[in-house]
Amino acid sequence: EWGGPVTLSQAKKLITSVVIGLIIIFASWLIINLFFQVFGVEQWTGLQQGWFRIDCPIELPNL
């Protein structure tokens, strides 16, 4: 049955899991970013644009 107590409980667990997952992802990004800033990684690796940025030099032909 849609909207029953079991379905509602499963939906709450799913939303909680998603929120926890997003918190873990964001916290991981913050830790890595802080580590890179403290040790000056962008200065000796050439990542002045930011380590989280992807630059693709390949250009696709116009069709």
PDB file of N, CA and C in Angstrom:
ATOM      1  N   GLU A   1       0.846  -1.176   0.000  1.00  0.00           N
ATOM      2  CA  GLU A   1       0.000   0.000   0.000  1.00  0.00           C
ATOM      3  C   GLU A   1       0.889   1.236   0.000  1.00  0.00           C
ATOM      4  N   TRP A   2       0.585   2.169  -0.896  1.00  0.00           N
ATOM      5  CA  TRP A   2       1.345   3.405  -0.966  1.00  0.00           C
ATOM      6  C   TRP A   2       0.973   4.309   0.201  1.00  0.00           C
ATOM      7  N   GLY A   3       1.975   4.842   0.847  1.00  0.00           N
ATOM      8  CA  GLY A   3       1.732   5.770   1.940  1.00  0.00           C
ATOM      9  C   GLY A   3       1.469   5.089   3.266  1.00  0.00           C
ATOM     10  N   GLY A   4       1.639   3.781   3.304  1.00  0.00           N
ATOM     11  CA  GLY A   4       1.448   3.069   4.560  1.00  0.00           C
ATOM     12  C   GLY A   4       2.616   3.317   5.500  1.00  0.00           C
ATOM     13  N   PRO A   5       2.507   2.839   6.727  1.00  0.00           N
ATOM     14  CA  PRO A   5       3.563   3.086   7.712  1.00  0.00           C
ATOM     15  C   PRO A   5       4.907   2.470   7.318  1.00  0.00           C
ATOM     16  N   VAL A   6       4.875   1.312   6.647  1.00  0.00           N
ATOM     17  CA  VAL A   6       6.128   0.671   6.242  1.00  0.00           C
ATOM     18  C   VAL A   6       6.799   1.492   5.145  1.00  0.00           C
ATOM     19  N   THR A   7       6.032   1.925   4.170  1.00  0.00           N
ATOM     20  CA  THR A   7       6.569   2.730   3.073  1.00  0.00           C
ATOM     21  C   THR A   7       7.093   4.063   3.587  1.00  0.00           C
ATOM     22  N   LEU A   8       6.379   4.668   4.495  1.00  0.00           N
ATOM     23  CA  LEU A   8       6.808   5.941   5.072  1.00  0.00           C
ATOM     24  C   LEU A   8       8.111   5.770   5.843  1.00  0.00           C
ATOM     25  N   SER A   9       8.234   4.685   6.576  1.00  0.00           N
ATOM     26  CA  SER A   9       9.453   4.403   7.325  1.00  0.00           C
ATOM     27  C   SER A   9      10.636   4.191   6.378  1.00  0.00           C
ATOM     28  N   GLN A  10      10.403   3.465   5.289  1.00  0.00           N
ATOM     29  CA  GLN A  10      11.467   3.234   4.310  1.00  0.00           C
ATOM     30  C   GLN A  10      11.885   4.543   3.644  1.00  0.00           C
ATOM     31  N   ALA A  11      10.929   5.404   3.353  1.00  0.00           N
ATOM     32  CA  ALA A  11      11.233   6.696   2.735  1.00  0.00           C
ATOM     33  C   ALA A  11      12.061   7.566   3.675  1.00  0.00           C
ATOM     34  N   LYS A  12      11.731   7.560   4.963  1.00  0.00           N
ATOM     35  CA  LYS A  12      12.493   8.339   5.938  1.00  0.00           C
ATOM     36  C   LYS A  12      13.922   7.825   6.043  1.00  0.00           C
ATOM     37  N   LYS A  13      14.082   6.493   6.043  1.00  0.00           N
ATOM     38  CA  LYS A  13      15.424   5.906   6.099  1.00  0.00           C
ATOM     39  C   LYS A  13      16.226   6.273   4.852  1.00  0.00           C
ATOM     40  N   LEU A  14      15.574   6.254   3.694  1.00  0.00           N
ATOM     41  CA  LEU A  14      16.248   6.599   2.448  1.00  0.00           C
ATOM     42  C   LEU A  14      16.706   8.055   2.455  1.00  0.00           C
ATOM     43  N   ILE A  15      15.835   8.951   2.864  1.00  0.00           N
ATOM     44  CA  ILE A  15      16.188  10.373   2.910  1.00  0.00           C
ATOM     45  C   ILE A  15      17.315  10.610   3.907  1.00  0.00           C
ATOM     46  N   THR A  16      17.259   9.954   5.055  1.00  0.00           N
ATOM     47  CA  THR A  16      18.322  10.078   6.053  1.00  0.00           C
ATOM     48  C   THR A  16      19.648   9.587   5.491  1.00  0.00           C
ATOM     49  N   SER A  17      19.622   8.464   4.792  1.00  0.00           N
ATOM     50  CA  SER A  17      20.844   7.918   4.199  1.00  0.00           C
ATOM     51  C   SER A  17      21.418   8.854   3.144  1.00  0.00           C
ATOM     52  N   VAL A  18      20.555   9.446   2.341  1.00  0.00           N
ATOM     53  CA  VAL A  18      21.010  10.383   1.310  1.00  0.00           C
ATOM     54  C   VAL A  18      21.652  11.608   1.954  1.00  0.00           C
ATOM     55  N   VAL A  19      21.038  12.149   2.984  1.00  0.00           N
ATOM     56  CA  VAL A  19      21.585  13.326   3.664  1.00  0.00           C
ATOM     57  C   VAL A  19      22.935  12.993   4.294  1.00  0.00           C
ATOM     58  N   ILE A  20      23.042  11.845   4.943  1.00  0.00           N
ATOM     59  CA  ILE A  20      24.314  11.429   5.546  1.00  0.00           C
ATOM     60  C   ILE A  20      25.381  11.265   4.463  1.00  0.00           C
ATOM     61  N   GLY A  21      25.013  10.669   3.340  1.00  0.00           N
ATOM     62  CA  GLY A  21      25.951  10.505   2.231  1.00  0.00           C
ATOM     63  C   GLY A  21      26.448  11.840   1.699  1.00  0.00           C
ATOM     64  N   LEU A  22      25.544  12.794   1.543  1.00  0.00           N
ATOM     65  CA  LEU A  22      25.939  14.122   1.067  1.00  0.00           C
ATOM     66  C   LEU A  22      26.856  14.829   2.066  1.00  0.00           C
ATOM     67  N   ILE A  23      26.582  14.651   3.349  1.00  0.00           N
ATOM     68  CA  ILE A  23      27.443  15.239   4.381  1.00  0.00           C
ATOM     69  C   ILE A  23      28.838  14.628   4.310  1.00  0.00           C
ATOM     70  N   ILE A  24      28.922  13.319   4.117  1.00  0.00           N
ATOM     71  CA  ILE A  24      30.221  12.645   4.001  1.00  0.00           C
ATOM     72  C   ILE A  24      30.983  13.159   2.779  1.00  0.00           C
ATOM     73  N   ILE A  25      30.294  13.287   1.652  1.00  0.00           N
ATOM     74  CA  ILE A  25      30.939  13.778   0.428  1.00  0.00           C
ATOM     75  C   ILE A  25      31.456  15.202   0.624  1.00  0.00           C
ATOM     76  N   PHE A  26      30.633  16.080   1.188  1.00  0.00           N
ATOM     77  CA  PHE A  26      31.037  17.470   1.389  1.00  0.00           C
ATOM     78  C   PHE A  26      32.191  17.570   2.385  1.00  0.00           C
ATOM     79  N   ALA A  27      32.123  16.801   3.475  1.00  0.00           N
ATOM     80  CA  ALA A  27      33.197  16.817   4.468  1.00  0.00           C
ATOM     81  C   ALA A  27      34.502  16.310   3.859  1.00  0.00           C
ATOM     82  N   SER A  28      34.421  15.287   3.017  1.00  0.00           N
ATOM     83  CA  SER A  28      35.618  14.765   2.348  1.00  0.00           C
ATOM     84  C   SER A  28      36.234  15.826   1.455  1.00  0.00           C
ATOM     85  N   TRP A  29      35.389  16.530   0.704  1.00  0.00           N
ATOM     86  CA  TRP A  29      35.883  17.593  -0.170  1.00  0.00           C
ATOM     87  C   TRP A  29      36.571  18.678   0.659  1.00  0.00           C
ATOM     88  N   LEU A  30      35.963  19.054   1.781  1.00  0.00           N
ATOM     89  CA  LEU A  30      36.559  20.087   2.630  1.00  0.00           C
ATOM     90  C   LEU A  30      37.915  19.654   3.176  1.00  0.00           C
ATOM     91  N   ILE A  31      38.023  18.404   3.596  1.00  0.00           N
ATOM     92  CA  ILE A  31      39.284  17.895   4.145  1.00  0.00           C
ATOM     93  C   ILE A  31      40.369  17.889   3.074  1.00  0.00           C
ATOM     94  N   ILE A  32      40.041  17.390   1.884  1.00  0.00           N
ATOM     95  CA  ILE A  32      41.021  17.347   0.797  1.00  0.00           C
ATOM     96  C   ILE A  32      41.428  18.759   0.396  1.00  0.00           C
ATOM     97  N   ASN A  33      40.464  19.655   0.276  1.00  0.00           N
ATOM     98  CA  ASN A  33      40.763  21.035  -0.103  1.00  0.00           C
ATOM     99  C   ASN A  33      41.646  21.711   0.944  1.00  0.00           C
ATOM    100  N   LEU A  34      41.344  21.511   2.208  1.00  0.00           N
ATOM    101  CA  LEU A  34      42.152  22.089   3.278  1.00  0.00           C
ATOM    102  C   LEU A  34      43.574  21.543   3.232  1.00  0.00           C
ATOM    103  N   PHE A  35      43.715  20.243   3.045  1.00  0.00           N
ATOM    104  CA  PHE A  35      45.027  19.603   2.947  1.00  0.00           C
ATOM    105  C   PHE A  35      45.833  20.216   1.803  1.00  0.00           C
ATOM    106  N   PHE A  36      45.206  20.360   0.646  1.00  0.00           N
ATOM    107  CA  PHE A  36      45.895  20.916  -0.517  1.00  0.00           C
ATOM    108  C   PHE A  36      46.290  22.372  -0.292  1.00  0.00           C
ATOM    109  N   GLN A  37      45.450  23.138   0.380  1.00  0.00           N
ATOM    110  CA  GLN A  37      45.776  24.540   0.638  1.00  0.00           C
ATOM    111  C   GLN A  37      46.896  24.673   1.663  1.00  0.00           C
ATOM    112  N   VAL A  38      46.874  23.851   2.696  1.00  0.00           N
ATOM    113  CA  VAL A  38      47.896  23.922   3.739  1.00  0.00           C
ATOM    114  C   VAL A  38      49.270  23.593   3.165  1.00  0.00           C
ATOM    115  N   PHE A  39      49.338  22.579   2.296  1.00  0.00           N
ATOM    116  CA  PHE A  39      50.620  22.155   1.748  1.00  0.00           C
ATOM    117  C   PHE A  39      50.964  22.842   0.428  1.00  0.00           C
ATOM    118  N   GLY A  40      50.129  23.745  -0.046  1.00  0.00           N
ATOM    119  CA  GLY A  40      50.418  24.500  -1.255  1.00  0.00           C
ATOM    120  C   GLY A  40      50.523  23.649  -2.501  1.00  0.00           C
ATOM    121  N   VAL A  41      49.668  22.685  -2.631  1.00  0.00           N
ATOM    122  CA  VAL A  41      49.732  21.758  -3.758  1.00  0.00           C
ATOM    123  C   VAL A  41      49.599  22.475  -5.094  1.00  0.00           C
ATOM    124  N   GLU A  42      48.775  23.511  -5.161  1.00  0.00           N
ATOM    125  CA  GLU A  42      48.567  24.184  -6.448  1.00  0.00           C
ATOM    126  C   GLU A  42      49.838  24.865  -6.945  1.00  0.00           C
ATOM    127  N   GLN A  43      50.750  25.205  -6.052  1.00  0.00           N
ATOM    128  CA  GLN A  43      51.973  25.893  -6.461  1.00  0.00           C
ATOM    129  C   GLN A  43      52.968  24.949  -7.123  1.00  0.00           C
ATOM    130  N   TRP A  44      53.065  23.709  -6.660  1.00  0.00           N
ATOM    131  CA  TRP A  44      54.059  22.800  -7.234  1.00  0.00           C
ATOM    132  C   TRP A  44      53.470  21.763  -8.179  1.00  0.00           C
ATOM    133  N   THR A  45      52.167  21.848  -8.449  1.00  0.00           N
ATOM    134  CA  THR A  45      51.562  20.922  -9.411  1.00  0.00           C
ATOM    135  C   THR A  45      50.959  21.635 -10.611  1.00  0.00           C
ATOM    136  N   GLY A  46      50.866  22.944 -10.565  1.00  0.00           N
ATOM    137  CA  GLY A  46      50.282  23.681 -11.676  1.00  0.00           C
ATOM    138  C   GLY A  46      48.765  23.675 -11.666  1.00  0.00           C
ATOM    139  N   LEU A  47      48.170  23.492 -10.515  1.00  0.00           N
ATOM    140  CA  LEU A  47      46.710  23.463 -10.402  1.00  0.00           C
ATOM    141  C   LEU A  47      46.176  24.800  -9.892  1.00  0.00           C
ATOM    142  N   GLN A  48      46.626  25.888 -10.501  1.00  0.00           N
ATOM    143  CA  GLN A  48      46.204  27.207 -10.032  1.00  0.00           C
ATOM    144  C   GLN A  48      44.704  27.425 -10.187  1.00  0.00           C
ATOM    145  N   GLN A  49      44.082  26.758 -11.133  1.00  0.00           N
ATOM    146  CA  GLN A  49      42.639  26.892 -11.339  1.00  0.00           C
ATOM    147  C   GLN A  49      41.845  26.152 -10.262  1.00  0.00           C
ATOM    148  N   GLY A  50      42.488  25.273  -9.523  1.00  0.00           N
ATOM    149  CA  GLY A  50      41.807  24.482  -8.504  1.00  0.00           C
ATOM    150  C   GLY A  50      41.871  23.003  -8.843  1.00  0.00           C
ATOM    151  N   TRP A  51      42.108  22.182  -7.856  1.00  0.00           N
ATOM    152  CA  TRP A  51      42.247  20.743  -8.079  1.00  0.00           C
ATOM    153  C   TRP A  51      40.924  20.103  -8.462  1.00  0.00           C
ATOM    154  N   PHE A  52      39.825  20.747  -8.143  1.00  0.00           N
ATOM    155  CA  PHE A  52      38.497  20.187  -8.379  1.00  0.00           C
ATOM    156  C   PHE A  52      37.965  20.534  -9.762  1.00  0.00           C
ATOM    157  N   ARG A  53      38.749  21.196 -10.562  1.00  0.00           N
ATOM    158  CA  ARG A  53      38.332  21.626 -11.886  1.00  0.00           C
ATOM    159  C   ARG A  53      38.940  20.733 -12.950  1.00  0.00           C
ATOM    160  N   ILE A  54      38.166  20.375 -13.942  1.00  0.00           N
ATOM    161  CA  ILE A  54      38.658  19.546 -15.034  1.00  0.00           C
ATOM    162  C   ILE A  54      38.658  20.388 -16.303  1.00  0.00           C
ATOM    163  N   ASP A  55      39.828  20.554 -16.887  1.00  0.00           N
ATOM    164  CA  ASP A  55      39.951  21.291 -18.143  1.00  0.00           C
ATOM    165  C   ASP A  55      40.291  20.296 -19.243  1.00  0.00           C
ATOM    166  N   CYS A  56      39.450  20.207 -20.226  1.00  0.00           N
ATOM    167  CA  CYS A  56      39.653  19.292 -21.345  1.00  0.00           C
ATOM    168  C   CYS A  56      40.074  20.108 -22.568  1.00  0.00           C
ATOM    169  N   PRO A  57      41.318  19.930 -23.039  1.00  0.00           N
ATOM    170  CA  PRO A  57      41.795  20.727 -24.167  1.00  0.00           C
ATOM    171  C   PRO A  57      41.275  20.250 -25.529  1.00  0.00           C
ATOM    172  N   ILE A  58      40.582  19.149 -25.581  1.00  0.00           N
ATOM    173  CA  ILE A  58      40.104  18.585 -26.841  1.00  0.00           C
ATOM    174  C   ILE A  58      38.861  19.340 -27.303  1.00  0.00           C
ATOM    175  N   GLU A  59      38.882  19.760 -28.556  1.00  0.00           N
ATOM    176  CA  GLU A  59      37.722  20.433 -29.130  1.00  0.00           C
ATOM    177  C   GLU A  59      37.047  19.499 -30.118  1.00  0.00           C
ATOM    178  N   LEU A  60      35.751  19.358 -30.008  1.00  0.00           N
ATOM    179  CA  LEU A  60      34.996  18.515 -30.926  1.00  0.00           C
ATOM    180  C   LEU A  60      34.643  19.307 -32.176  1.00  0.00           C
ATOM    181  N   PRO A  61      34.670  18.638 -33.326  1.00  0.00           N
ATOM    182  CA  PRO A  61      34.314  19.350 -34.554  1.00  0.00           C
ATOM    183  C   PRO A  61      32.821  19.672 -34.581  1.00  0.00           C
ATOM    184  N   ASN A  62      32.496  20.798 -35.202  1.00  0.00           N
ATOM    185  CA  ASN A  62      31.089  21.170 -35.364  1.00  0.00           C
ATOM    186  C   ASN A  62      30.471  20.315 -36.458  1.00  0.00           C
ATOM    187  N   LEU A  63      29.327  19.773 -36.189  1.00  0.00           N
ATOM    188  CA  LEU A  63      28.667  18.929 -37.186  1.00  0.00           C
ATOM    189  C   LEU A  63      27.624  19.691 -37.955  1.00  0.00           C
TER     190      LEU A  63
END
